[in-house]
Structure formats: structure tokens, C-alpha cells
Amino acid sequence: MSTQKTSGGFPLIVSALAIVICLCIGLFIYKFILGAKSNFDESGTHPHNILGTMYMGGFIVPILIGFLLTVITFAIERFITIMKATGSGHTDKFVTKIKSLIASHDFDGAIAECGKQKGSLANVVHEGVVKYQFVQNDTQLDKEAKVHAIQKALEEATSLELPMLSKNMVVISTMASIGTLAGLIGTVVGMIRAFAALSAAGAPDTGALATGISEALVNTLVGILTSALAIIFYNYFSNRIDQITYSMDEAGFSIIQEFQASGK
């Protein structure tokens, strides 16, 4: 019996390439959009809008923009994958209907519902129902062995689905941490420049002071924004994965419980 598996998610090489592309796009945005001459005065040193001010943030800004784009890219990828894993319709209604069909021993109807629902939950239930049908008329196995066979089929199907659900979540969680750290590095560099301008001999260099403060504030802003979005997306997707996993466990328990109650 072949076990079904929901496909989805970036492969490892594609994930690495996506991060590199996001960093390159961040550099492009920094050089050609934020650094456009139209964002500065005639001297080219004083910004007159927010884009120019962000450009003054220094070399950390394109990296932070790349991190922000990475978070958005992988959030979209996770959203599409988890929606595909959820399948069509509501999981609660699907689980309730599967319980009813199994209770009435309408296995063909349960398999048909799995075909309609699709997704990770439907794949797990499908394997459990198929194994249920296979072992119920097997006279060579006792009831305990049959229950074990059904449990094993459910566990194998679940083990194939869970890695796909959590795939690339580590990228989002990592960005939540290094976004803040990268922003902090830019902030420290900016403050060093600001204090260096203040400590210069004679009158303080107001241009260098403004540059240092801008670098500190811009990096803090983009770093916090990146981390905040990453945390929000990570918690949302983790909650959705937990809901799907719970539905798998609930449906699997119902299949096993019904088999034990059948007396076969």
C-alpha cells in the first residue's frame, strides 16, 4: 500500500537561493531607490524625504531590507503550503463527518470524503481507513495486532506530513532573532559615529552627527519591523500547524476507537 503525501514548500537549495535573491533585491532597493539623487538636495549629502533618510542608515540597511523580504517571501510560501495542507472545507466538519461514516462502517464514503477534502489531514485519515478495511477481515491477526497495524499506518502517514508542515519555519524564527541583532549592530555603529562627531575638535560636525543619528534610528526601525513580522508569522503558522496536528490525532483516535468497539 503506497502512502500519500502532500507536497509543498521550498526545497533546501531553493530556500537558500531565495534568501540570496532577497538580499540582492535589498541591495538593489538600497542603491537605486533609497539612494536615488531625487531623494537628496543638490549637494547630494542631505536627504529631503524618508527614502533619503533611510539611505543614510548605512551598510546594514540593505541587509535588513533583505531580511524583511525574506520574512515576507517565506511567510507567503508557508501560507500557501499550510492552506494546501488544510485542504478544502473546514477541518472540524470533515473530522465530524469522518467519525459518522466510520461509525456506520461506510468506508467507501469515508475514502470519498478524503478525496474531496485533500490535504494532510485527508491523507492521514485515508491511510487509516484503508488499513482498517484491510485488517478487519484478516483472520491471521488477532485484534491487538490489527489495532497496532492501524496505529502504525496512521503514524507513518502523520510522520510524512509533519515535516512538510514545519518546513522552513526555522527560517522565519531565525529572522525574528537576527533581524533585531542586525538592527542593533547598525544602531551601535550609528551611535559611534554620532558621538565621534560630538567629540571632534572645535565645532561639532552637524552633518556627521545627523548621519550617525539617522543610521542608528533607521536600523532600529527596520530591525524591529523585521523581527515583529517574523514573530507574528511564526506564531500564526505554529498555531495553524498545531490545529492540523490535533485534527490528525483526533481523527486517528476515532478510527482506532471504532475498530476496538467493533469487536472484530
C-alpha atoms as a PDB file:
ATOM      1  CA  MET A   1       0.000   0.000   0.000  1.00  0.00           C
ATOM      2  CA  SER A   2       1.506   3.349  -1.015  1.00  0.00           C
ATOM      3  CA  THR A   3       1.232   6.172   1.442  1.00  0.00           C
ATOM      4  CA  GLN A   4       0.062   9.522   0.119  1.00  0.00           C
ATOM      5  CA  LYS A   5       1.952  12.678   0.940  1.00  0.00           C
ATOM      6  CA  THR A   6       1.039  16.323   0.487  1.00  0.00           C
ATOM      7  CA  SER A   7       3.702  18.145  -1.496  1.00  0.00           C
ATOM      8  CA  GLY A   8       4.700  21.729  -0.813  1.00  0.00           C
ATOM      9  CA  GLY A   9       7.389  24.043   0.471  1.00  0.00           C
ATOM     10  CA  PHE A  10      10.674  25.215  -0.947  1.00  0.00           C
ATOM     11  CA  PRO A  11      13.392  22.547  -1.273  1.00  0.00           C
ATOM     12  CA  LEU A  12      16.588  23.315   0.648  1.00  0.00           C
ATOM     13  CA  ILE A  13      18.505  24.616  -2.380  1.00  0.00           C
ATOM     14  CA  VAL A  14      15.563  26.813  -3.403  1.00  0.00           C
ATOM     15  CA  SER A  15      15.270  28.174   0.156  1.00  0.00           C
ATOM     16  CA  ALA A  16      18.953  29.125   0.177  1.00  0.00           C
ATOM     17  CA  LEU A  17      18.632  30.703  -3.260  1.00  0.00           C
ATOM     18  CA  ALA A  18      15.526  32.629  -2.165  1.00  0.00           C
ATOM     19  CA  ILE A  19      17.427  34.159   0.765  1.00  0.00           C
ATOM     20  CA  VAL A  20      20.304  35.209  -1.532  1.00  0.00           C
ATOM     21  CA  ILE A  21      17.861  36.725  -4.020  1.00  0.00           C
ATOM     22  CA  CYS A  22      16.111  38.666  -1.240  1.00  0.00           C
ATOM     23  CA  LEU A  23      19.453  40.065  -0.067  1.00  0.00           C
ATOM     24  CA  CYS A  24      20.321  41.069  -3.653  1.00  0.00           C
ATOM     25  CA  ILE A  25      16.944  42.782  -4.029  1.00  0.00           C
ATOM     26  CA  GLY A  26      17.584  44.573  -0.725  1.00  0.00           C
ATOM     27  CA  LEU A  27      20.901  45.859  -2.090  1.00  0.00           C
ATOM     28  CA  PHE A  28      19.197  46.958  -5.317  1.00  0.00           C
ATOM     29  CA  ILE A  29      16.494  48.846  -3.377  1.00  0.00           C
ATOM     30  CA  TYR A  30      19.145  50.497  -1.208  1.00  0.00           C
ATOM     31  CA  LYS A  31      21.366  51.621  -4.112  1.00  0.00           C
ATOM     32  CA  PHE A  32      18.851  52.623  -6.744  1.00  0.00           C
ATOM     33  CA  ILE A  33      15.649  53.512  -4.878  1.00  0.00           C
ATOM     34  CA  LEU A  34      16.727  54.817  -1.492  1.00  0.00           C
ATOM     35  CA  GLY A  35      19.946  56.228  -2.921  1.00  0.00           C
ATOM     36  CA  ALA A  36      18.338  57.964  -5.916  1.00  0.00           C
ATOM     37  CA  LYS A  37      19.510  61.556  -6.460  1.00  0.00           C
ATOM     38  CA  SER A  38      15.925  62.785  -6.261  1.00  0.00           C
ATOM     39  CA  ASN A  39      15.918  61.895  -2.552  1.00  0.00           C
ATOM     40  CA  PHE A  40      18.710  64.379  -1.762  1.00  0.00           C
ATOM     41  CA  ASP A  41      19.458  68.077  -2.172  1.00  0.00           C
ATOM     42  CA  GLU A  42      21.802  69.439  -4.819  1.00  0.00           C
ATOM     43  CA  SER A  43      24.864  68.669  -2.725  1.00  0.00           C
ATOM     44  CA  GLY A  44      23.814  65.033  -2.529  1.00  0.00           C
ATOM     45  CA  THR A  45      24.551  64.830   1.200  1.00  0.00           C
ATOM     46  CA  HIS A  46      21.326  65.961   2.852  1.00  0.00           C
ATOM     47  CA  PRO A  47      18.127  63.908   2.354  1.00  0.00           C
ATOM     48  CA  HIS A  48      14.824  65.712   1.940  1.00  0.00           C
ATOM     49  CA  ASN A  49      12.469  62.721   2.304  1.00  0.00           C
ATOM     50  CA  ILE A  50      12.145  59.467   4.225  1.00  0.00           C
ATOM     51  CA  LEU A  51      13.794  57.400   1.469  1.00  0.00           C
ATOM     52  CA  GLY A  52      16.920  59.518   1.590  1.00  0.00           C
ATOM     53  CA  THR A  53      16.947  59.309   5.369  1.00  0.00           C
ATOM     54  CA  MET A  54      16.796  55.517   5.153  1.00  0.00           C
ATOM     55  CA  TYR A  55      19.703  55.549   2.712  1.00  0.00           C
ATOM     56  CA  MET A  56      21.732  57.433   5.298  1.00  0.00           C
ATOM     57  CA  GLY A  57      21.267  54.440   7.579  1.00  0.00           C
ATOM     58  CA  GLY A  58      24.414  52.877   6.172  1.00  0.00           C
ATOM     59  CA  PHE A  59      25.565  49.444   5.026  1.00  0.00           C
ATOM     60  CA  ILE A  60      23.284  47.495   7.422  1.00  0.00           C
ATOM     61  CA  VAL A  61      20.118  48.853   5.774  1.00  0.00           C
ATOM     62  CA  PRO A  62      20.271  46.689   2.584  1.00  0.00           C
ATOM     63  CA  ILE A  63      20.910  43.626   4.732  1.00  0.00           C
ATOM     64  CA  LEU A  64      17.905  44.428   6.903  1.00  0.00           C
ATOM     65  CA  ILE A  65      15.747  45.037   3.827  1.00  0.00           C
ATOM     66  CA  GLY A  66      16.873  41.638   2.537  1.00  0.00           C
ATOM     67  CA  PHE A  67      15.901  40.042   5.853  1.00  0.00           C
ATOM     68  CA  LEU A  68      12.494  41.752   5.713  1.00  0.00           C
ATOM     69  CA  LEU A  69      11.911  40.490   2.169  1.00  0.00           C
ATOM     70  CA  THR A  70      12.995  37.013   3.290  1.00  0.00           C
ATOM     71  CA  VAL A  71      10.378  37.022   6.052  1.00  0.00           C
ATOM     72  CA  ILE A  72       7.669  38.111   3.620  1.00  0.00           C
ATOM     73  CA  THR A  73       8.733  35.546   0.985  1.00  0.00           C
ATOM     74  CA  PHE A  74       8.754  32.593   3.382  1.00  0.00           C
ATOM     75  CA  ALA A  75       5.535  33.767   5.039  1.00  0.00           C
ATOM     76  CA  ILE A  76       3.826  33.617   1.643  1.00  0.00           C
ATOM     77  CA  GLU A  77       5.368  30.188   0.992  1.00  0.00           C
ATOM     78  CA  ARG A  78       4.187  28.867   4.394  1.00  0.00           C
ATOM     79  CA  PHE A  79       0.720  30.348   3.940  1.00  0.00           C
ATOM     80  CA  ILE A  80       0.261  28.624   0.560  1.00  0.00           C
ATOM     81  CA  THR A  81       1.662  25.317   1.848  1.00  0.00           C
ATOM     82  CA  ILE A  82      -0.434  25.256   5.027  1.00  0.00           C
ATOM     83  CA  MET A  83      -3.565  26.227   3.114  1.00  0.00           C
ATOM     84  CA  LYS A  84      -2.864  23.319   0.765  1.00  0.00           C
ATOM     85  CA  ALA A  85      -2.273  21.014   3.734  1.00  0.00           C
ATOM     86  CA  THR A  86      -5.533  22.133   5.344  1.00  0.00           C
ATOM     87  CA  GLY A  87      -7.465  21.061   2.275  1.00  0.00           C
ATOM     88  CA  SER A  88     -10.866  22.287   1.184  1.00  0.00           C
ATOM     89  CA  GLY A  89     -13.643  22.992   3.640  1.00  0.00           C
ATOM     90  CA  HIS A  90     -13.463  23.151   7.432  1.00  0.00           C
ATOM     91  CA  THR A  91     -11.357  20.540   9.216  1.00  0.00           C
ATOM     92  CA  ASP A  92     -13.807  20.320  12.141  1.00  0.00           C
ATOM     93  CA  LYS A  93     -16.695  19.446   9.839  1.00  0.00           C
ATOM     94  CA  PHE A  94     -14.516  16.959   7.970  1.00  0.00           C
ATOM     95  CA  VAL A  95     -13.467  15.167  11.160  1.00  0.00           C
ATOM     96  CA  THR A  96     -17.082  15.047  12.374  1.00  0.00           C
ATOM     97  CA  LYS A  97     -18.251  13.585   9.068  1.00  0.00           C
ATOM     98  CA  ILE A  98     -15.448  11.008   9.054  1.00  0.00           C
ATOM     99  CA  LYS A  99     -16.433   9.911  12.574  1.00  0.00           C
ATOM    100  CA  SER A 100     -20.021   9.454  11.438  1.00  0.00           C
ATOM    101  CA  LEU A 101     -19.058   7.494   8.309  1.00  0.00           C
ATOM    102  CA  ILE A 102     -16.692   5.200  10.216  1.00  0.00           C
ATOM    103  CA  ALA A 103     -19.297   4.619  12.931  1.00  0.00           C
ATOM    104  CA  SER A 104     -21.710   3.437  10.229  1.00  0.00           C
ATOM    105  CA  HIS A 105     -18.903   1.412   8.562  1.00  0.00           C
ATOM    106  CA  ASP A 106     -19.269   3.390   5.341  1.00  0.00           C
ATOM    107  CA  PHE A 107     -15.585   3.116   4.432  1.00  0.00           C
ATOM    108  CA  ASP A 108     -16.089   3.908   0.766  1.00  0.00           C
ATOM    109  CA  GLY A 109     -17.868   7.102   1.774  1.00  0.00           C
ATOM    110  CA  ALA A 110     -15.022   7.992   4.152  1.00  0.00           C
ATOM    111  CA  ILE A 111     -12.435   7.463   1.408  1.00  0.00           C
ATOM    112  CA  ALA A 112     -14.538   9.562  -0.962  1.00  0.00           C
ATOM    113  CA  GLU A 113     -14.643  12.371   1.608  1.00  0.00           C
ATOM    114  CA  CYS A 114     -10.856  12.201   1.882  1.00  0.00           C
ATOM    115  CA  GLY A 115     -10.671  12.601  -1.882  1.00  0.00           C
ATOM    116  CA  LYS A 116     -12.831  15.702  -1.666  1.00  0.00           C
ATOM    117  CA  GLN A 117     -11.038  17.236   1.328  1.00  0.00           C
ATOM    118  CA  LYS A 118      -7.482  16.508   0.170  1.00  0.00           C
ATOM    119  CA  GLY A 119      -4.604  17.922   2.218  1.00  0.00           C
ATOM    120  CA  SER A 120      -2.559  16.430   5.056  1.00  0.00           C
ATOM    121  CA  LEU A 121      -5.483  15.563   7.311  1.00  0.00           C
ATOM    122  CA  ALA A 122      -7.298  13.761   4.493  1.00  0.00           C
ATOM    123  CA  ASN A 123      -4.138  11.802   3.637  1.00  0.00           C
ATOM    124  CA  VAL A 124      -3.743  10.565   7.215  1.00  0.00           C
ATOM    125  CA  VAL A 125      -7.411   9.619   7.516  1.00  0.00           C
ATOM    126  CA  HIS A 126      -7.289   7.899   4.115  1.00  0.00           C
ATOM    127  CA  GLU A 127      -4.391   5.677   5.196  1.00  0.00           C
ATOM    128  CA  GLY A 128      -6.154   4.839   8.463  1.00  0.00           C
ATOM    129  CA  VAL A 129      -9.418   3.902   6.756  1.00  0.00           C
ATOM    130  CA  VAL A 130      -7.676   1.818   4.077  1.00  0.00           C
ATOM    131  CA  LYS A 131      -5.720  -0.076   6.720  1.00  0.00           C
ATOM    132  CA  TYR A 132      -8.952  -0.529   8.727  1.00  0.00           C
ATOM    133  CA  GLN A 133     -10.569  -2.179   5.702  1.00  0.00           C
ATOM    134  CA  PHE A 134      -7.506  -4.290   5.068  1.00  0.00           C
ATOM    135  CA  VAL A 135      -7.160  -5.766   8.568  1.00  0.00           C
ATOM    136  CA  GLN A 136     -10.802  -6.183   9.588  1.00  0.00           C
ATOM    137  CA  ASN A 137     -11.222  -9.346   7.544  1.00  0.00           C
ATOM    138  CA  ASP A 138      -7.715 -10.676   8.160  1.00  0.00           C
ATOM    139  CA  THR A 139      -8.221 -13.898  10.139  1.00  0.00           C
ATOM    140  CA  GLN A 140      -4.486 -14.418  10.734  1.00  0.00           C
ATOM    141  CA  LEU A 141      -4.163 -11.436  13.065  1.00  0.00           C
ATOM    142  CA  ASP A 142      -5.690 -11.051  16.490  1.00  0.00           C
ATOM    143  CA  LYS A 143      -7.465  -7.859  17.448  1.00  0.00           C
ATOM    144  CA  GLU A 144      -4.479  -6.353  19.245  1.00  0.00           C
ATOM    145  CA  ALA A 145      -2.267  -6.885  16.191  1.00  0.00           C
ATOM    146  CA  LYS A 146      -4.899  -5.305  13.979  1.00  0.00           C
ATOM    147  CA  VAL A 147      -5.114  -2.228  16.219  1.00  0.00           C
ATOM    148  CA  HIS A 148      -1.313  -1.992  16.140  1.00  0.00           C
ATOM    149  CA  ALA A 149      -1.341  -2.185  12.332  1.00  0.00           C
ATOM    150  CA  ILE A 150      -3.870   0.645  12.094  1.00  0.00           C
ATOM    151  CA  GLN A 151      -1.876   2.747  14.562  1.00  0.00           C
ATOM    152  CA  LYS A 152       1.304   2.160  12.582  1.00  0.00           C
ATOM    153  CA  ALA A 153      -0.380   3.206   9.334  1.00  0.00           C
ATOM    154  CA  LEU A 154      -1.650   6.404  10.961  1.00  0.00           C
ATOM    155  CA  GLU A 155       1.752   7.161  12.486  1.00  0.00           C
ATOM    156  CA  GLU A 156       3.557   6.609   9.182  1.00  0.00           C
ATOM    157  CA  ALA A 157       1.138   8.879   7.336  1.00  0.00           C
ATOM    158  CA  THR A 158       1.461  11.552  10.022  1.00  0.00           C
ATOM    159  CA  SER A 159       5.267  11.326  10.003  1.00  0.00           C
ATOM    160  CA  LEU A 160       5.230  12.065   6.268  1.00  0.00           C
ATOM    161  CA  GLU A 161       3.003  15.125   6.664  1.00  0.00           C
ATOM    162  CA  LEU A 162       4.501  16.870   9.719  1.00  0.00           C
ATOM    163  CA  PRO A 163       7.923  17.700   8.201  1.00  0.00           C
ATOM    164  CA  MET A 164       6.207  19.394   5.278  1.00  0.00           C
ATOM    165  CA  LEU A 165       4.067  21.464   7.650  1.00  0.00           C
ATOM    166  CA  SER A 166       7.035  22.707   9.699  1.00  0.00           C
ATOM    167  CA  LYS A 167       9.395  23.048   6.754  1.00  0.00           C
ATOM    168  CA  ASN A 168      11.176  26.441   6.517  1.00  0.00           C
ATOM    169  CA  MET A 169       9.669  27.599   9.815  1.00  0.00           C
ATOM    170  CA  VAL A 170      13.241  27.761  11.093  1.00  0.00           C
ATOM    171  CA  VAL A 171      13.980  30.493   8.548  1.00  0.00           C
ATOM    172  CA  ILE A 172      11.190  32.692   9.918  1.00  0.00           C
ATOM    173  CA  SER A 173      12.197  32.046  13.536  1.00  0.00           C
ATOM    174  CA  THR A 174      15.839  32.809  12.718  1.00  0.00           C
ATOM    175  CA  MET A 175      14.900  36.093  11.062  1.00  0.00           C
ATOM    176  CA  ALA A 176      12.988  37.041  14.211  1.00  0.00           C
ATOM    177  CA  SER A 177      16.261  36.848  16.130  1.00  0.00           C
ATOM    178  CA  ILE A 178      18.861  38.141  13.697  1.00  0.00           C
ATOM    179  CA  GLY A 179      16.631  40.976  12.494  1.00  0.00           C
ATOM    180  CA  THR A 180      16.831  42.586  15.917  1.00  0.00           C
ATOM    181  CA  LEU A 181      20.546  41.787  16.250  1.00  0.00           C
ATOM    182  CA  ALA A 182      21.400  43.240  12.823  1.00  0.00           C
ATOM    183  CA  GLY A 183      19.371  46.344  13.639  1.00  0.00           C
ATOM    184  CA  LEU A 184      21.242  46.636  16.935  1.00  0.00           C
ATOM    185  CA  ILE A 185      24.584  46.450  15.132  1.00  0.00           C
ATOM    186  CA  GLY A 186      23.514  49.278  12.833  1.00  0.00           C
ATOM    187  CA  THR A 187      22.279  51.256  15.820  1.00  0.00           C
ATOM    188  CA  VAL A 188      25.597  50.864  17.650  1.00  0.00           C
ATOM    189  CA  VAL A 189      27.564  51.877  14.550  1.00  0.00           C
ATOM    190  CA  GLY A 190      25.341  54.924  14.106  1.00  0.00           C
ATOM    191  CA  MET A 191      25.731  55.996  17.728  1.00  0.00           C
ATOM    192  CA  ILE A 192      29.511  55.596  17.497  1.00  0.00           C
ATOM    193  CA  ARG A 193      29.517  57.965  14.541  1.00  0.00           C
ATOM    194  CA  ALA A 194      27.233  60.381  16.331  1.00  0.00           C
ATOM    195  CA  PHE A 195      29.450  60.537  19.429  1.00  0.00           C
ATOM    196  CA  ALA A 196      32.563  60.772  17.251  1.00  0.00           C
ATOM    197  CA  ALA A 197      31.059  63.867  15.609  1.00  0.00           C
ATOM    198  CA  LEU A 198      30.337  65.402  19.012  1.00  0.00           C
ATOM    199  CA  SER A 199      33.856  64.757  20.256  1.00  0.00           C
ATOM    200  CA  ALA A 200      35.546  66.259  17.186  1.00  0.00           C
ATOM    201  CA  ALA A 201      37.860  69.188  17.799  1.00  0.00           C
ATOM    202  CA  GLY A 202      36.231  72.593  17.563  1.00  0.00           C
ATOM    203  CA  ALA A 203      32.626  72.902  16.499  1.00  0.00           C
ATOM    204  CA  PRO A 204      30.789  69.554  16.228  1.00  0.00           C
ATOM    205  CA  ASP A 205      30.260  68.239  12.701  1.00  0.00           C
ATOM    206  CA  THR A 206      26.497  68.516  12.448  1.00  0.00           C
ATOM    207  CA  GLY A 207      26.429  66.570   9.188  1.00  0.00           C
ATOM    208  CA  ALA A 208      28.288  63.622  10.705  1.00  0.00           C
ATOM    209  CA  LEU A 209      26.111  63.885  13.819  1.00  0.00           C
ATOM    210  CA  ALA A 210      22.930  63.775  11.741  1.00  0.00           C
ATOM    211  CA  THR A 211      24.279  60.838   9.723  1.00  0.00           C
ATOM    212  CA  GLY A 212      25.103  58.896  12.872  1.00  0.00           C
ATOM    213  CA  ILE A 213      21.701  59.510  14.433  1.00  0.00           C
ATOM    214  CA  SER A 214      19.911  58.605  11.167  1.00  0.00           C
ATOM    215  CA  GLU A 215      21.888  55.400  10.898  1.00  0.00           C
ATOM    216  CA  ALA A 216      21.020  54.485  14.466  1.00  0.00           C
ATOM    217  CA  LEU A 217      17.293  55.188  14.141  1.00  0.00           C
ATOM    218  CA  VAL A 218      16.765  53.714  10.662  1.00  0.00           C
ATOM    219  CA  ASN A 219      18.474  50.440  11.534  1.00  0.00           C
ATOM    220  CA  THR A 220      16.470  50.196  14.742  1.00  0.00           C
ATOM    221  CA  LEU A 221      13.225  50.764  12.830  1.00  0.00           C
ATOM    222  CA  VAL A 222      13.854  48.206  10.071  1.00  0.00           C
ATOM    223  CA  GLY A 223      15.298  45.653  12.513  1.00  0.00           C
ATOM    224  CA  ILE A 224      12.297  45.858  14.842  1.00  0.00           C
ATOM    225  CA  LEU A 225       9.863  45.719  11.902  1.00  0.00           C
ATOM    226  CA  THR A 226      11.562  42.605  10.536  1.00  0.00           C
ATOM    227  CA  SER A 227      11.541  40.835  13.902  1.00  0.00           C
ATOM    228  CA  ALA A 228       7.953  41.846  14.684  1.00  0.00           C
ATOM    229  CA  LEU A 229       6.633  40.484  11.388  1.00  0.00           C
ATOM    230  CA  ALA A 230       8.670  37.289  11.765  1.00  0.00           C
ATOM    231  CA  ILE A 231       7.310  36.692  15.279  1.00  0.00           C
ATOM    232  CA  ILE A 232       3.719  37.335  14.181  1.00  0.00           C
ATOM    233  CA  PHE A 233       4.012  34.996  11.175  1.00  0.00           C
ATOM    234  CA  TYR A 234       5.815  32.300  13.173  1.00  0.00           C
ATOM    235  CA  ASN A 235       3.184  32.252  15.921  1.00  0.00           C
ATOM    236  CA  TYR A 236       0.337  32.243  13.398  1.00  0.00           C
ATOM    237  CA  PHE A 237       1.767  29.343  11.389  1.00  0.00           C
ATOM    238  CA  SER A 238       2.674  27.406  14.542  1.00  0.00           C
ATOM    239  CA  ASN A 239      -0.934  27.710  15.708  1.00  0.00           C
ATOM    240  CA  ARG A 240      -2.262  26.519  12.340  1.00  0.00           C
ATOM    241  CA  ILE A 241       0.127  23.538  12.381  1.00  0.00           C
ATOM    242  CA  ASP A 242      -0.999  22.652  15.911  1.00  0.00           C
ATOM    243  CA  GLN A 243      -4.632  22.739  14.781  1.00  0.00           C
ATOM    244  CA  ILE A 244      -3.938  20.424  11.844  1.00  0.00           C
ATOM    245  CA  THR A 245      -1.907  18.065  14.038  1.00  0.00           C
ATOM    246  CA  TYR A 246      -4.705  17.968  16.623  1.00  0.00           C
ATOM    247  CA  SER A 247      -7.227  17.143  13.897  1.00  0.00           C
ATOM    248  CA  MET A 248      -4.988  14.296  12.699  1.00  0.00           C
ATOM    249  CA  ASP A 249      -4.752  12.887  16.218  1.00  0.00           C
ATOM    250  CA  GLU A 250      -8.498  13.254  16.770  1.00  0.00           C
ATOM    251  CA  ALA A 251      -9.395  11.505  13.514  1.00  0.00           C
ATOM    252  CA  GLY A 252      -6.835   8.752  14.125  1.00  0.00           C
ATOM    253  CA  PHE A 253      -8.136   8.150  17.639  1.00  0.00           C
ATOM    254  CA  SER A 254     -11.695   7.905  16.292  1.00  0.00           C
ATOM    255  CA  ILE A 255     -10.650   5.271  13.743  1.00  0.00           C
ATOM    256  CA  ILE A 256      -8.870   3.159  16.358  1.00  0.00           C
ATOM    257  CA  GLN A 257     -11.658   3.579  18.912  1.00  0.00           C
ATOM    258  CA  GLU A 258     -14.276   2.480  16.400  1.00  0.00           C
ATOM    259  CA  PHE A 259     -12.258  -0.589  15.462  1.00  0.00           C
ATOM    260  CA  GLN A 260     -11.824  -1.568  19.112  1.00  0.00           C
ATOM    261  CA  ALA A 261     -15.555  -1.133  19.689  1.00  0.00           C
ATOM    262  CA  SER A 262     -16.471  -3.203  16.635  1.00  0.00           C
ATOM    263  CA  GLY A 263     -15.432  -6.407  18.392  1.00  0.00           C
ATOM    264  CA  LYS A 264     -13.622  -7.832  15.314  1.00  0.00           C
END
